[in-house]
């Protein structure tokens, strides 16, 4: 969680600036809410890097239009050089996550994957298969995360080169 401290700091700043209510559920699908109840997703990322979109399974379960609010940092994580707020059309968002293998993927990451060092080679080959099954031409890409302790998860992200295409597509 220490790595993500700057993200929580940025979220607190946006909550104060826009009078948002923060959702303190770390694993929830929303980060904050506007006074009218519209949910918000808050992200920060390094300039010219991919935008992280959080847990892939949470992204699939988004069920209403929301505000995507992000800050781009340069040099230091506290040095925000660009900010954007867009209203996301959830139906367009869902199209980017349409895929028939989510249940299989969820079973694999929760029940098959091991954190053991012995699993490292298998992990690499299985991740390669999943990426091929997902499709490398898609705007949103899975980011497979695993360590040798307890971490086993799948994030999602959009590369910097696809950022404007992504934003134009999901914008309401």
N, C-alpha and C. Protein backbone atom coordinates (compact mmCIF):
# COMPACT_ATOMS: atom_id res chain seq x y z
N UNK A 1 0.82 -1.20 0.00
CA UNK A 1 0.00 0.00 0.00
C UNK A 1 0.86 1.26 0.00
N UNK A 2 2.10 1.17 0.48
CA UNK A 2 2.97 2.34 0.52
C UNK A 2 3.18 2.92 -0.87
N UNK A 3 3.32 2.03 -1.89
CA UNK A 3 3.50 2.49 -3.26
C UNK A 3 2.34 3.33 -3.74
N UNK A 4 1.15 3.07 -3.21
CA UNK A 4 -0.05 3.75 -3.67
C UNK A 4 -0.41 4.95 -2.82
N UNK A 5 0.44 5.31 -1.88
CA UNK A 5 0.16 6.43 -0.99
C UNK A 5 -0.11 7.72 -1.73
N UNK A 6 0.65 7.97 -2.79
CA UNK A 6 0.44 9.21 -3.56
C UNK A 6 -0.94 9.23 -4.20
N UNK A 7 -1.44 8.06 -4.58
CA UNK A 7 -2.78 7.98 -5.16
C UNK A 7 -3.85 8.35 -4.15
N UNK A 8 -3.68 7.88 -2.91
CA UNK A 8 -4.63 8.22 -1.86
C UNK A 8 -4.54 9.71 -1.53
N UNK A 9 -3.32 10.26 -1.54
CA UNK A 9 -3.14 11.70 -1.30
C UNK A 9 -3.85 12.50 -2.38
N UNK A 10 -3.68 12.09 -3.62
CA UNK A 10 -4.33 12.79 -4.72
C UNK A 10 -5.85 12.68 -4.61
N UNK A 11 -6.33 11.52 -4.25
CA UNK A 11 -7.78 11.33 -4.07
C UNK A 11 -8.30 12.27 -2.99
N UNK A 12 -7.57 12.39 -1.88
CA UNK A 12 -8.00 13.31 -0.80
C UNK A 12 -8.05 14.75 -1.32
N UNK A 13 -7.05 15.13 -2.11
CA UNK A 13 -7.02 16.49 -2.67
C UNK A 13 -8.24 16.74 -3.56
N UNK A 14 -8.56 15.77 -4.42
CA UNK A 14 -9.72 15.93 -5.30
C UNK A 14 -11.02 15.96 -4.50
N UNK A 15 -11.10 15.16 -3.47
CA UNK A 15 -12.31 15.16 -2.63
C UNK A 15 -12.51 16.54 -2.00
N UNK A 16 -11.43 17.14 -1.53
CA UNK A 16 -11.54 18.48 -0.95
C UNK A 16 -11.90 19.51 -2.02
N UNK A 17 -11.21 19.46 -3.16
CA UNK A 17 -11.41 20.44 -4.22
C UNK A 17 -12.82 20.40 -4.80
N UNK A 18 -13.37 19.19 -5.01
CA UNK A 18 -14.66 19.03 -5.66
C UNK A 18 -15.79 18.66 -4.70
N UNK A 19 -15.51 18.71 -3.41
CA UNK A 19 -16.50 18.37 -2.39
C UNK A 19 -17.07 16.96 -2.61
N UNK A 20 -16.17 16.00 -2.81
CA UNK A 20 -16.55 14.61 -3.01
C UNK A 20 -16.52 13.87 -1.69
N UNK A 21 -17.30 12.81 -1.61
CA UNK A 21 -17.24 11.91 -0.45
C UNK A 21 -16.37 10.73 -0.84
N UNK A 22 -15.32 10.50 -0.09
CA UNK A 22 -14.40 9.42 -0.38
C UNK A 22 -15.01 8.08 0.03
N UNK A 23 -14.79 7.06 -0.80
CA UNK A 23 -15.18 5.70 -0.44
C UNK A 23 -13.94 5.05 0.15
N UNK A 24 -13.99 4.76 1.42
CA UNK A 24 -12.82 4.23 2.12
C UNK A 24 -12.63 2.73 1.95
N UNK A 25 -13.50 2.08 1.20
CA UNK A 25 -13.36 0.66 0.93
C UNK A 25 -12.25 0.47 -0.10
N UNK A 26 -11.09 0.04 0.35
CA UNK A 26 -9.91 -0.07 -0.51
C UNK A 26 -10.15 -0.95 -1.73
N UNK A 27 -10.97 -1.98 -1.60
CA UNK A 27 -11.20 -2.89 -2.73
C UNK A 27 -12.52 -2.61 -3.44
N UNK A 28 -13.19 -1.52 -3.10
CA UNK A 28 -14.45 -1.18 -3.74
C UNK A 28 -14.26 -0.76 -5.19
N UNK A 29 -15.36 -0.71 -5.94
CA UNK A 29 -15.23 -0.36 -7.36
C UNK A 29 -15.19 1.14 -7.59
N UNK A 30 -15.59 1.95 -6.59
CA UNK A 30 -15.57 3.41 -6.73
C UNK A 30 -14.62 4.01 -5.71
N UNK A 31 -14.04 5.15 -6.06
CA UNK A 31 -13.11 5.84 -5.15
C UNK A 31 -13.79 6.95 -4.36
N UNK A 32 -14.78 7.58 -4.98
CA UNK A 32 -15.46 8.71 -4.34
C UNK A 32 -16.82 8.91 -5.01
N UNK A 33 -17.59 9.83 -4.43
CA UNK A 33 -18.91 10.14 -4.96
C UNK A 33 -19.13 11.64 -4.95
N UNK A 34 -19.76 12.14 -6.01
CA UNK A 34 -20.18 13.54 -6.04
C UNK A 34 -21.38 13.68 -5.12
N UNK A 35 -21.74 14.90 -4.81
CA UNK A 35 -22.87 15.15 -3.92
C UNK A 35 -24.18 14.60 -4.49
N UNK A 36 -24.29 14.51 -5.82
CA UNK A 36 -25.51 13.95 -6.43
C UNK A 36 -25.48 12.42 -6.49
N UNK A 37 -24.42 11.81 -5.93
CA UNK A 37 -24.32 10.35 -5.88
C UNK A 37 -23.57 9.73 -7.04
N UNK A 38 -23.18 10.53 -8.02
CA UNK A 38 -22.44 9.98 -9.17
C UNK A 38 -21.07 9.50 -8.69
N UNK A 39 -20.73 8.24 -9.01
CA UNK A 39 -19.44 7.72 -8.57
C UNK A 39 -18.27 8.29 -9.37
N UNK A 40 -17.10 8.24 -8.75
CA UNK A 40 -15.88 8.73 -9.37
C UNK A 40 -14.78 7.68 -9.22
N UNK A 41 -13.92 7.63 -10.21
CA UNK A 41 -12.72 6.80 -10.18
C UNK A 41 -11.54 7.76 -10.31
N UNK A 42 -10.60 7.66 -9.37
CA UNK A 42 -9.46 8.59 -9.32
C UNK A 42 -8.18 7.83 -9.61
N UNK A 43 -7.38 8.37 -10.52
CA UNK A 43 -6.12 7.72 -10.91
C UNK A 43 -5.00 8.75 -11.00
N UNK A 44 -3.78 8.30 -10.74
CA UNK A 44 -2.59 9.10 -11.02
C UNK A 44 -1.62 8.20 -11.78
N UNK A 45 -0.84 8.83 -12.65
CA UNK A 45 0.18 8.07 -13.35
C UNK A 45 1.27 8.99 -13.85
N UNK A 46 2.42 8.40 -14.07
CA UNK A 46 3.60 9.13 -14.53
C UNK A 46 3.40 9.59 -15.97
N UNK A 47 3.87 10.79 -16.27
CA UNK A 47 3.77 11.34 -17.62
C UNK A 47 4.34 10.36 -18.64
N UNK A 48 3.63 10.19 -19.74
CA UNK A 48 4.01 9.29 -20.84
C UNK A 48 3.96 7.82 -20.48
N UNK A 49 3.28 7.48 -19.39
CA UNK A 49 3.13 6.08 -18.97
C UNK A 49 1.67 5.66 -19.12
N UNK A 50 1.44 4.38 -18.93
CA UNK A 50 0.06 3.89 -19.04
C UNK A 50 -0.78 4.38 -17.88
N UNK A 51 -2.09 4.46 -18.13
CA UNK A 51 -3.02 4.80 -17.06
C UNK A 51 -3.53 3.50 -16.46
N UNK A 52 -3.31 3.32 -15.16
CA UNK A 52 -3.81 2.10 -14.50
C UNK A 52 -5.31 2.22 -14.26
N UNK A 53 -6.04 1.15 -14.53
CA UNK A 53 -7.49 1.19 -14.38
C UNK A 53 -8.01 0.28 -13.28
N UNK A 54 -7.15 -0.19 -12.43
CA UNK A 54 -7.56 -0.99 -11.27
C UNK A 54 -7.87 -2.44 -11.64
N UNK A 55 -8.42 -3.14 -10.68
CA UNK A 55 -8.73 -4.56 -10.80
C UNK A 55 -9.65 -4.82 -12.00
N UNK A 56 -9.27 -5.75 -12.83
CA UNK A 56 -10.04 -6.02 -14.05
C UNK A 56 -11.46 -6.50 -13.74
N UNK A 57 -11.62 -7.25 -12.66
CA UNK A 57 -12.95 -7.75 -12.30
C UNK A 57 -13.85 -6.63 -11.78
N UNK A 58 -13.26 -5.66 -11.06
CA UNK A 58 -14.03 -4.48 -10.64
C UNK A 58 -14.47 -3.67 -11.86
N UNK A 59 -13.58 -3.55 -12.84
CA UNK A 59 -13.92 -2.78 -14.03
C UNK A 59 -15.07 -3.41 -14.79
N UNK A 60 -15.13 -4.72 -14.82
CA UNK A 60 -16.22 -5.43 -15.49
C UNK A 60 -17.55 -5.16 -14.78
N UNK A 61 -17.50 -4.99 -13.47
CA UNK A 61 -18.74 -4.86 -12.69
C UNK A 61 -19.26 -3.43 -12.58
N UNK A 62 -18.58 -2.46 -13.17
CA UNK A 62 -19.09 -1.08 -13.13
C UNK A 62 -20.44 -1.05 -13.85
N UNK A 63 -21.43 -0.41 -13.19
CA UNK A 63 -22.80 -0.51 -13.69
C UNK A 63 -23.51 0.83 -13.87
N UNK A 64 -22.77 1.92 -13.75
CA UNK A 64 -23.39 3.23 -13.97
C UNK A 64 -22.34 4.20 -14.49
N UNK A 65 -22.81 5.24 -15.16
CA UNK A 65 -21.89 6.27 -15.63
C UNK A 65 -21.12 6.82 -14.45
N UNK A 66 -19.87 7.21 -14.69
CA UNK A 66 -19.03 7.71 -13.61
C UNK A 66 -18.04 8.73 -14.15
N UNK A 67 -17.45 9.46 -13.22
CA UNK A 67 -16.40 10.41 -13.58
C UNK A 67 -15.05 9.74 -13.42
N UNK A 68 -14.26 9.80 -14.47
CA UNK A 68 -12.86 9.38 -14.40
C UNK A 68 -12.05 10.66 -14.20
N UNK A 69 -11.33 10.71 -13.09
CA UNK A 69 -10.55 11.89 -12.73
C UNK A 69 -9.11 11.44 -12.60
N UNK A 70 -8.22 12.09 -13.33
CA UNK A 70 -6.84 11.66 -13.21
C UNK A 70 -5.87 12.82 -13.20
N UNK A 71 -4.73 12.55 -12.58
CA UNK A 71 -3.62 13.48 -12.55
C UNK A 71 -2.38 12.80 -13.09
N UNK A 72 -1.65 13.53 -13.91
CA UNK A 72 -0.40 13.02 -14.49
C UNK A 72 0.75 13.72 -13.76
N UNK A 73 1.68 12.92 -13.24
CA UNK A 73 2.80 13.52 -12.52
C UNK A 73 4.10 13.41 -13.32
N UNK A 74 5.01 14.34 -13.01
CA UNK A 74 6.32 14.39 -13.67
C UNK A 74 7.37 14.64 -12.61
N UNK A 75 8.43 13.84 -12.66
CA UNK A 75 9.51 14.01 -11.68
C UNK A 75 9.15 13.39 -10.35
N UNK A 76 8.40 14.11 -9.52
CA UNK A 76 7.92 13.61 -8.23
C UNK A 76 6.44 13.32 -8.34
N UNK A 77 6.01 12.34 -7.61
CA UNK A 77 4.60 11.93 -7.67
C UNK A 77 3.66 13.03 -7.20
N UNK A 78 4.16 13.98 -6.43
CA UNK A 78 3.32 15.09 -5.97
C UNK A 78 3.27 16.24 -6.98
N UNK A 79 4.08 16.16 -8.03
CA UNK A 79 4.14 17.21 -9.05
C UNK A 79 3.17 16.89 -10.19
N UNK A 80 1.91 17.23 -9.99
CA UNK A 80 0.86 16.96 -10.99
C UNK A 80 0.95 18.04 -12.07
N UNK A 81 1.17 17.60 -13.32
CA UNK A 81 1.36 18.55 -14.42
C UNK A 81 0.16 18.60 -15.37
N UNK A 82 -0.76 17.66 -15.23
CA UNK A 82 -1.95 17.63 -16.08
C UNK A 82 -3.06 16.94 -15.31
N UNK A 83 -4.26 17.47 -15.44
CA UNK A 83 -5.42 16.85 -14.81
C UNK A 83 -6.56 16.80 -15.81
N UNK A 84 -7.38 15.78 -15.67
CA UNK A 84 -8.54 15.65 -16.55
C UNK A 84 -9.68 15.02 -15.77
N UNK A 85 -10.88 15.46 -16.08
CA UNK A 85 -12.10 14.89 -15.51
C UNK A 85 -13.05 14.66 -16.68
N UNK A 86 -13.46 13.42 -16.88
CA UNK A 86 -14.42 13.13 -17.94
C UNK A 86 -15.55 12.26 -17.39
N UNK A 87 -16.74 12.48 -17.93
CA UNK A 87 -17.87 11.62 -17.61
C UNK A 87 -17.81 10.42 -18.54
N UNK A 88 -17.76 9.23 -17.96
CA UNK A 88 -17.63 7.99 -18.73
C UNK A 88 -19.01 7.38 -18.95
N UNK A 89 -19.28 7.02 -20.19
CA UNK A 89 -20.48 6.29 -20.57
C UNK A 89 -20.24 4.82 -20.24
N UNK A 90 -20.93 4.30 -19.24
CA UNK A 90 -20.66 2.94 -18.77
C UNK A 90 -20.92 1.89 -19.85
N UNK A 91 -21.84 2.15 -20.76
CA UNK A 91 -22.09 1.17 -21.82
C UNK A 91 -20.88 1.06 -22.76
N UNK A 92 -20.27 2.19 -23.07
CA UNK A 92 -19.05 2.15 -23.89
C UNK A 92 -17.91 1.50 -23.10
N UNK A 93 -17.84 1.81 -21.81
CA UNK A 93 -16.83 1.22 -20.94
C UNK A 93 -16.96 -0.31 -20.95
N UNK A 94 -18.19 -0.79 -20.79
CA UNK A 94 -18.44 -2.23 -20.75
C UNK A 94 -18.01 -2.92 -22.05
N UNK A 95 -18.18 -2.21 -23.17
CA UNK A 95 -17.75 -2.79 -24.45
C UNK A 95 -16.26 -3.12 -24.44
N UNK A 96 -15.47 -2.29 -23.77
CA UNK A 96 -14.02 -2.52 -23.71
C UNK A 96 -13.66 -3.72 -22.85
N UNK A 97 -14.60 -4.16 -22.02
CA UNK A 97 -14.35 -5.30 -21.12
C UNK A 97 -15.21 -6.51 -21.49
N UNK A 98 -15.83 -6.48 -22.65
CA UNK A 98 -16.63 -7.63 -23.09
C UNK A 98 -15.68 -8.77 -23.46
N UNK A 99 -15.90 -9.91 -22.83
CA UNK A 99 -15.03 -11.07 -23.03
C UNK A 99 -15.69 -12.28 -22.40
N UNK A 100 -15.63 -13.42 -23.05
CA UNK A 100 -16.35 -14.59 -22.56
C UNK A 100 -15.57 -15.46 -21.57
N UNK A 101 -14.39 -15.04 -21.16
CA UNK A 101 -13.55 -15.91 -20.32
C UNK A 101 -13.33 -15.40 -18.89
N UNK A 102 -14.12 -14.43 -18.44
CA UNK A 102 -13.87 -13.85 -17.11
C UNK A 102 -14.00 -14.86 -15.98
N UNK A 103 -15.00 -15.72 -16.02
CA UNK A 103 -15.17 -16.70 -14.94
C UNK A 103 -13.98 -17.66 -14.90
N UNK A 104 -13.55 -18.09 -16.05
CA UNK A 104 -12.38 -18.97 -16.14
C UNK A 104 -11.13 -18.27 -15.62
N UNK A 105 -10.97 -17.00 -16.00
CA UNK A 105 -9.82 -16.22 -15.55
C UNK A 105 -9.84 -16.03 -14.03
N UNK A 106 -11.00 -15.73 -13.50
CA UNK A 106 -11.13 -15.54 -12.04
C UNK A 106 -10.80 -16.83 -11.30
N UNK A 107 -11.29 -17.95 -11.80
CA UNK A 107 -10.98 -19.24 -11.18
C UNK A 107 -9.47 -19.49 -11.22
N UNK A 108 -8.84 -19.22 -12.36
CA UNK A 108 -7.40 -19.44 -12.51
C UNK A 108 -6.61 -18.61 -11.51
N UNK A 109 -6.87 -17.31 -11.43
CA UNK A 109 -6.05 -16.44 -10.57
C UNK A 109 -6.28 -16.74 -9.09
N UNK A 110 -7.49 -17.17 -8.73
CA UNK A 110 -7.80 -17.42 -7.32
C UNK A 110 -7.47 -18.84 -6.87
N UNK A 111 -7.60 -19.82 -7.78
CA UNK A 111 -7.52 -21.22 -7.35
C UNK A 111 -6.40 -22.04 -7.98
N UNK A 112 -5.84 -21.57 -9.07
CA UNK A 112 -4.81 -22.35 -9.76
C UNK A 112 -3.42 -21.77 -9.53
N UNK A 113 -3.31 -20.46 -9.66
CA UNK A 113 -2.01 -19.78 -9.55
C UNK A 113 -1.42 -20.00 -8.16
N UNK A 114 -0.13 -20.26 -8.14
CA UNK A 114 0.62 -20.41 -6.89
C UNK A 114 1.61 -19.26 -6.76
N UNK A 115 1.93 -18.90 -5.53
CA UNK A 115 2.95 -17.88 -5.28
C UNK A 115 4.33 -18.50 -5.11
N UNK A 116 4.42 -19.78 -5.24
CA UNK A 116 5.68 -20.49 -5.08
C UNK A 116 6.67 -20.14 -6.19
N UNK A 117 7.94 -20.13 -5.84
CA UNK A 117 9.00 -19.93 -6.83
C UNK A 117 8.93 -21.02 -7.91
N UNK A 118 8.51 -22.19 -7.52
CA UNK A 118 8.41 -23.31 -8.46
C UNK A 118 7.40 -23.04 -9.57
N UNK A 119 6.51 -22.12 -9.33
CA UNK A 119 5.45 -21.82 -10.30
C UNK A 119 5.87 -20.74 -11.32
N UNK A 120 7.03 -20.14 -11.14
CA UNK A 120 7.44 -19.00 -11.96
C UNK A 120 7.40 -19.28 -13.46
N UNK A 121 7.93 -20.40 -13.90
CA UNK A 121 7.95 -20.72 -15.32
C UNK A 121 6.54 -20.96 -15.84
N UNK A 122 5.74 -21.67 -15.06
CA UNK A 122 4.35 -21.92 -15.43
C UNK A 122 3.59 -20.60 -15.52
N UNK A 123 3.81 -19.73 -14.55
CA UNK A 123 3.17 -18.41 -14.53
C UNK A 123 3.43 -17.67 -15.83
N UNK A 124 4.68 -17.61 -16.25
CA UNK A 124 5.04 -16.87 -17.47
C UNK A 124 4.32 -17.43 -18.69
N UNK A 125 4.27 -18.73 -18.81
CA UNK A 125 3.62 -19.31 -19.99
C UNK A 125 2.10 -19.14 -19.92
N UNK A 126 1.51 -19.27 -18.74
CA UNK A 126 0.06 -19.11 -18.61
C UNK A 126 -0.35 -17.66 -18.86
N UNK A 127 0.43 -16.72 -18.35
CA UNK A 127 0.13 -15.30 -18.59
C UNK A 127 0.18 -15.00 -20.08
N UNK A 128 1.16 -15.55 -20.76
CA UNK A 128 1.26 -15.35 -22.21
C UNK A 128 0.01 -15.87 -22.92
N UNK A 129 -0.48 -17.03 -22.49
CA UNK A 129 -1.70 -17.60 -23.07
C UNK A 129 -2.91 -16.72 -22.81
N UNK A 130 -3.02 -16.21 -21.58
CA UNK A 130 -4.15 -15.34 -21.25
C UNK A 130 -4.11 -14.06 -22.05
N UNK A 131 -2.93 -13.49 -22.22
CA UNK A 131 -2.81 -12.26 -23.00
C UNK A 131 -3.22 -12.49 -24.45
N UNK A 132 -2.84 -13.62 -25.00
CA UNK A 132 -3.23 -13.96 -26.37
C UNK A 132 -4.74 -14.15 -26.46
N UNK A 133 -5.31 -14.80 -25.45
CA UNK A 133 -6.76 -15.03 -25.43
C UNK A 133 -7.51 -13.70 -25.33
N UNK A 134 -6.97 -12.78 -24.54
CA UNK A 134 -7.58 -11.45 -24.37
C UNK A 134 -7.53 -10.67 -25.69
N UNK A 135 -6.37 -10.69 -26.35
CA UNK A 135 -6.18 -9.97 -27.60
C UNK A 135 -5.29 -8.75 -27.41
N UNK A 136 -4.13 -8.78 -28.00
CA UNK A 136 -3.16 -7.70 -27.79
C UNK A 136 -3.52 -6.42 -28.54
N UNK A 137 -4.52 -6.48 -29.43
CA UNK A 137 -4.92 -5.29 -30.19
C UNK A 137 -5.96 -4.45 -29.44
N UNK A 138 -6.45 -4.92 -28.31
CA UNK A 138 -7.49 -4.21 -27.58
C UNK A 138 -6.91 -2.98 -26.86
N UNK A 139 -7.75 -1.96 -26.70
CA UNK A 139 -7.30 -0.72 -26.06
C UNK A 139 -6.94 -0.95 -24.60
N UNK A 140 -7.79 -1.66 -23.87
CA UNK A 140 -7.52 -1.98 -22.46
C UNK A 140 -6.80 -3.32 -22.43
N UNK A 141 -5.73 -3.38 -21.63
CA UNK A 141 -4.94 -4.60 -21.52
C UNK A 141 -4.87 -5.08 -20.07
N UNK A 142 -4.88 -6.39 -19.86
CA UNK A 142 -4.70 -6.91 -18.50
C UNK A 142 -3.24 -6.76 -18.06
N UNK A 143 -3.07 -6.56 -16.76
CA UNK A 143 -1.73 -6.50 -16.16
C UNK A 143 -1.72 -7.53 -15.03
N UNK A 144 -1.02 -8.62 -15.26
CA UNK A 144 -0.99 -9.74 -14.33
C UNK A 144 0.04 -9.47 -13.24
N UNK A 145 -0.38 -9.58 -11.98
CA UNK A 145 0.47 -9.27 -10.83
C UNK A 145 0.54 -10.48 -9.90
N UNK A 146 1.77 -10.81 -9.53
CA UNK A 146 1.98 -11.95 -8.63
C UNK A 146 3.32 -11.75 -7.95
N UNK A 147 3.40 -12.10 -6.68
CA UNK A 147 4.68 -12.11 -5.99
C UNK A 147 4.85 -13.46 -5.31
N UNK A 148 5.87 -13.59 -4.48
CA UNK A 148 6.12 -14.87 -3.81
C UNK A 148 5.58 -14.89 -2.38
N UNK A 149 4.71 -13.92 -2.08
CA UNK A 149 4.06 -13.88 -0.77
C UNK A 149 2.59 -14.26 -0.97
N UNK A 150 1.72 -13.24 -1.10
CA UNK A 150 0.29 -13.53 -1.24
C UNK A 150 -0.37 -12.88 -2.45
N UNK A 151 0.33 -11.99 -3.13
CA UNK A 151 -0.28 -11.24 -4.24
C UNK A 151 -0.53 -12.13 -5.46
N UNK A 152 -1.77 -12.12 -5.89
CA UNK A 152 -2.20 -12.75 -7.15
C UNK A 152 -3.40 -11.96 -7.61
N UNK A 153 -3.22 -11.13 -8.63
CA UNK A 153 -4.34 -10.31 -9.08
C UNK A 153 -4.13 -9.90 -10.54
N UNK A 154 -5.17 -9.35 -11.10
CA UNK A 154 -5.10 -8.90 -12.49
C UNK A 154 -5.66 -7.48 -12.54
N UNK A 155 -4.80 -6.57 -12.85
CA UNK A 155 -5.18 -5.18 -13.03
C UNK A 155 -5.50 -4.96 -14.51
N UNK A 156 -5.85 -3.76 -14.86
CA UNK A 156 -6.03 -3.41 -16.27
C UNK A 156 -5.45 -2.02 -16.47
N UNK A 157 -5.07 -1.74 -17.72
CA UNK A 157 -4.43 -0.46 -18.01
C UNK A 157 -4.60 -0.12 -19.48
N UNK A 158 -4.38 1.16 -19.79
CA UNK A 158 -4.38 1.64 -21.16
C UNK A 158 -3.02 2.27 -21.40
N UNK A 159 -2.36 1.87 -22.47
CA UNK A 159 -1.05 2.42 -22.78
C UNK A 159 -1.16 3.91 -23.10
N UNK A 160 -0.08 4.62 -22.90
CA UNK A 160 -0.06 6.05 -23.17
C UNK A 160 -0.42 6.34 -24.63
N UNK A 161 0.08 5.53 -25.55
CA UNK A 161 -0.20 5.77 -26.97
C UNK A 161 -1.68 5.60 -27.31
N UNK A 162 -2.43 4.86 -26.50
CA UNK A 162 -3.87 4.66 -26.73
C UNK A 162 -4.76 5.53 -25.83
N UNK A 163 -4.14 6.39 -25.02
CA UNK A 163 -4.91 7.15 -24.03
C UNK A 163 -5.98 8.03 -24.67
N UNK A 164 -5.64 8.82 -25.66
CA UNK A 164 -6.63 9.72 -26.28
C UNK A 164 -7.74 8.94 -26.97
N UNK A 165 -7.38 7.85 -27.64
CA UNK A 165 -8.39 6.99 -28.28
C UNK A 165 -9.35 6.46 -27.23
N UNK A 166 -8.80 6.00 -26.12
CA UNK A 166 -9.60 5.47 -25.02
C UNK A 166 -10.54 6.53 -24.47
N UNK A 167 -10.01 7.72 -24.16
CA UNK A 167 -10.81 8.79 -23.57
C UNK A 167 -11.93 9.23 -24.52
N UNK A 168 -11.60 9.37 -25.80
CA UNK A 168 -12.61 9.75 -26.79
C UNK A 168 -13.72 8.70 -26.88
N UNK A 169 -13.34 7.45 -26.77
CA UNK A 169 -14.31 6.36 -26.90
C UNK A 169 -15.27 6.30 -25.72
N UNK A 170 -14.77 6.41 -24.50
CA UNK A 170 -15.64 6.21 -23.33
C UNK A 170 -16.36 7.48 -22.88
N UNK A 171 -15.95 8.62 -23.40
CA UNK A 171 -16.55 9.88 -22.98
C UNK A 171 -18.03 9.95 -23.33
N UNK A 172 -18.82 10.40 -22.37
CA UNK A 172 -20.28 10.53 -22.58
C UNK A 172 -20.56 11.85 -23.29
